[in-house]
Amino acid sequence: MPTVKGKECSDAKGELEALGMTVNVQSAGGGAAECAGSVLEQDPLPESRRTAGDGATLYVG
């Protein structure tokens, strides 16, 4: 899992989707959100082992 924290959401989402991952976007306060602004947190954490088809959640604010 690459580090995408601090990147623009659209860039981070594109990077992860290019790796074959399914990406969900949530607001930092909880709930679904539009992919706008910067990534504040990510799950799974950077450097976690992931493969194509795995999911990732980006928390934006």
N, C-alpha and C. Protein backbone atom coordinates (compact mmCIF):
# COMPACT_ATOMS: atom_id res chain seq x y z
N MET A 1 0.85 -1.17 0.00
CA MET A 1 0.00 0.00 0.00
C MET A 1 0.89 1.23 0.00
N PRO A 2 0.79 2.04 -1.05
CA PRO A 2 1.60 3.26 -1.07
C PRO A 2 1.07 4.30 -0.09
N THR A 3 1.89 5.25 0.24
CA THR A 3 1.49 6.37 1.08
C THR A 3 0.76 7.38 0.21
N VAL A 4 -0.50 7.65 0.54
CA VAL A 4 -1.26 8.66 -0.19
C VAL A 4 -1.73 9.79 0.72
N LYS A 5 -1.45 9.69 2.00
CA LYS A 5 -1.81 10.73 2.95
C LYS A 5 -1.16 12.04 2.53
N GLY A 6 -1.95 13.11 2.50
CA GLY A 6 -1.44 14.42 2.12
C GLY A 6 -1.63 14.74 0.64
N LYS A 7 -1.94 13.73 -0.16
CA LYS A 7 -2.17 13.96 -1.59
C LYS A 7 -3.60 14.42 -1.82
N GLU A 8 -3.84 15.04 -2.96
CA GLU A 8 -5.20 15.38 -3.35
C GLU A 8 -5.98 14.08 -3.53
N CYS A 9 -7.22 14.06 -3.11
CA CYS A 9 -8.03 12.85 -3.15
C CYS A 9 -8.07 12.24 -4.55
N SER A 10 -8.30 13.04 -5.56
CA SER A 10 -8.42 12.49 -6.91
C SER A 10 -7.12 11.83 -7.36
N ASP A 11 -5.97 12.42 -7.00
CA ASP A 11 -4.68 11.82 -7.34
C ASP A 11 -4.47 10.51 -6.60
N ALA A 12 -4.78 10.51 -5.30
CA ALA A 12 -4.61 9.32 -4.48
C ALA A 12 -5.52 8.20 -4.96
N LYS A 13 -6.76 8.54 -5.25
CA LYS A 13 -7.73 7.53 -5.71
C LYS A 13 -7.27 6.93 -7.03
N GLY A 14 -6.81 7.77 -7.94
CA GLY A 14 -6.33 7.28 -9.22
C GLY A 14 -5.13 6.37 -9.08
N GLU A 15 -4.22 6.72 -8.18
CA GLU A 15 -3.02 5.91 -7.95
C GLU A 15 -3.39 4.52 -7.44
N LEU A 16 -4.32 4.47 -6.50
CA LEU A 16 -4.73 3.18 -5.93
C LEU A 16 -5.54 2.36 -6.92
N GLU A 17 -6.41 3.02 -7.68
CA GLU A 17 -7.20 2.29 -8.68
C GLU A 17 -6.29 1.73 -9.78
N ALA A 18 -5.22 2.44 -10.10
CA ALA A 18 -4.27 1.94 -11.09
C ALA A 18 -3.58 0.66 -10.61
N LEU A 19 -3.54 0.46 -9.30
CA LEU A 19 -2.98 -0.76 -8.71
C LEU A 19 -4.03 -1.86 -8.60
N GLY A 20 -5.24 -1.57 -9.06
CA GLY A 20 -6.31 -2.56 -9.03
C GLY A 20 -7.11 -2.59 -7.74
N MET A 21 -6.94 -1.58 -6.91
CA MET A 21 -7.65 -1.54 -5.63
C MET A 21 -9.01 -0.87 -5.78
N THR A 22 -9.94 -1.28 -4.94
CA THR A 22 -11.24 -0.64 -4.85
C THR A 22 -11.14 0.44 -3.79
N VAL A 23 -11.51 1.68 -4.14
CA VAL A 23 -11.30 2.81 -3.23
C VAL A 23 -12.63 3.39 -2.77
N ASN A 24 -12.78 3.51 -1.46
CA ASN A 24 -13.91 4.19 -0.84
C ASN A 24 -13.42 5.51 -0.27
N VAL A 25 -14.27 6.52 -0.32
CA VAL A 25 -13.93 7.83 0.22
C VAL A 25 -14.89 8.17 1.34
N GLN A 26 -14.36 8.54 2.48
CA GLN A 26 -15.14 8.91 3.66
C GLN A 26 -14.70 10.27 4.15
N SER A 27 -15.62 11.00 4.78
CA SER A 27 -15.23 12.26 5.40
C SER A 27 -14.50 11.93 6.70
N ALA A 28 -13.62 12.81 7.12
CA ALA A 28 -12.86 12.59 8.35
C ALA A 28 -13.80 12.45 9.55
N GLY A 29 -14.98 13.07 9.48
CA GLY A 29 -15.95 13.00 10.57
C GLY A 29 -16.87 11.80 10.49
N GLY A 30 -16.73 11.00 9.42
CA GLY A 30 -17.56 9.82 9.25
C GLY A 30 -18.56 10.02 8.13
N GLY A 31 -18.91 8.96 7.47
CA GLY A 31 -19.88 9.01 6.38
C GLY A 31 -19.22 9.18 5.03
N ALA A 32 -19.96 8.82 4.00
CA ALA A 32 -19.45 8.92 2.64
C ALA A 32 -19.20 10.38 2.28
N ALA A 33 -18.24 10.59 1.40
CA ALA A 33 -17.88 11.95 1.00
C ALA A 33 -17.50 11.97 -0.47
N GLU A 34 -17.55 13.15 -1.05
CA GLU A 34 -17.05 13.36 -2.40
C GLU A 34 -15.53 13.30 -2.35
N CYS A 35 -14.92 12.92 -3.45
CA CYS A 35 -13.46 12.88 -3.52
C CYS A 35 -12.95 14.29 -3.81
N ALA A 36 -12.81 15.07 -2.76
CA ALA A 36 -12.33 16.45 -2.88
C ALA A 36 -11.47 16.76 -1.67
N GLY A 37 -10.49 17.62 -1.86
CA GLY A 37 -9.60 17.98 -0.76
C GLY A 37 -8.47 16.99 -0.62
N SER A 38 -7.78 17.10 0.48
CA SER A 38 -6.60 16.27 0.73
C SER A 38 -6.95 15.05 1.56
N VAL A 39 -6.16 14.00 1.37
CA VAL A 39 -6.32 12.78 2.15
C VAL A 39 -5.70 13.03 3.53
N LEU A 40 -6.51 12.90 4.57
CA LEU A 40 -6.04 13.12 5.95
C LEU A 40 -5.54 11.82 6.58
N GLU A 41 -6.21 10.72 6.24
CA GLU A 41 -5.83 9.40 6.74
C GLU A 41 -6.14 8.37 5.67
N GLN A 42 -5.53 7.21 5.81
CA GLN A 42 -5.80 6.12 4.87
C GLN A 42 -5.85 4.82 5.64
N ASP A 43 -6.66 3.90 5.11
CA ASP A 43 -6.77 2.57 5.68
C ASP A 43 -6.82 1.60 4.50
N PRO A 44 -5.91 0.70 4.36
CA PRO A 44 -4.87 0.31 5.31
C PRO A 44 -3.72 1.30 5.36
N LEU A 45 -2.89 1.13 6.37
CA LEU A 45 -1.75 2.00 6.58
C LEU A 45 -0.71 1.82 5.46
N PRO A 46 0.11 2.85 5.24
CA PRO A 46 1.17 2.73 4.24
C PRO A 46 2.06 1.52 4.51
N GLU A 47 2.54 0.94 3.43
CA GLU A 47 3.44 -0.21 3.44
C GLU A 47 2.76 -1.52 3.84
N SER A 48 1.42 -1.49 4.05
CA SER A 48 0.69 -2.73 4.29
C SER A 48 0.68 -3.53 3.00
N ARG A 49 0.70 -4.84 3.12
CA ARG A 49 0.66 -5.69 1.92
C ARG A 49 -0.76 -5.75 1.39
N ARG A 50 -0.92 -5.38 0.14
CA ARG A 50 -2.21 -5.41 -0.53
C ARG A 50 -2.01 -5.91 -1.94
N THR A 51 -3.06 -6.48 -2.51
CA THR A 51 -3.01 -6.95 -3.88
C THR A 51 -4.22 -6.40 -4.65
N ALA A 52 -4.17 -6.55 -5.95
CA ALA A 52 -5.28 -6.09 -6.80
C ALA A 52 -6.58 -6.72 -6.30
N GLY A 53 -7.62 -5.91 -6.27
CA GLY A 53 -8.92 -6.38 -5.79
C GLY A 53 -9.18 -6.04 -4.34
N ASP A 54 -8.13 -5.73 -3.58
CA ASP A 54 -8.31 -5.34 -2.18
C ASP A 54 -8.93 -3.95 -2.13
N GLY A 55 -9.50 -3.64 -1.00
CA GLY A 55 -10.12 -2.33 -0.80
C GLY A 55 -9.25 -1.40 0.02
N ALA A 56 -9.49 -0.11 -0.15
CA ALA A 56 -8.82 0.92 0.63
C ALA A 56 -9.83 2.02 0.91
N THR A 57 -9.67 2.68 2.04
CA THR A 57 -10.53 3.81 2.39
C THR A 57 -9.66 5.04 2.56
N LEU A 58 -10.08 6.13 1.91
CA LEU A 58 -9.42 7.41 2.06
C LEU A 58 -10.32 8.32 2.88
N TYR A 59 -9.75 8.97 3.88
CA TYR A 59 -10.50 9.90 4.72
C TYR A 59 -10.08 11.31 4.34
N VAL A 60 -11.05 12.09 3.89
CA VAL A 60 -10.76 13.45 3.40
C VAL A 60 -11.38 14.49 4.30
N GLY A 61 -10.85 15.69 4.22
CA GLY A 61 -11.39 16.78 5.03
C GLY A 61 -11.30 18.09 4.32
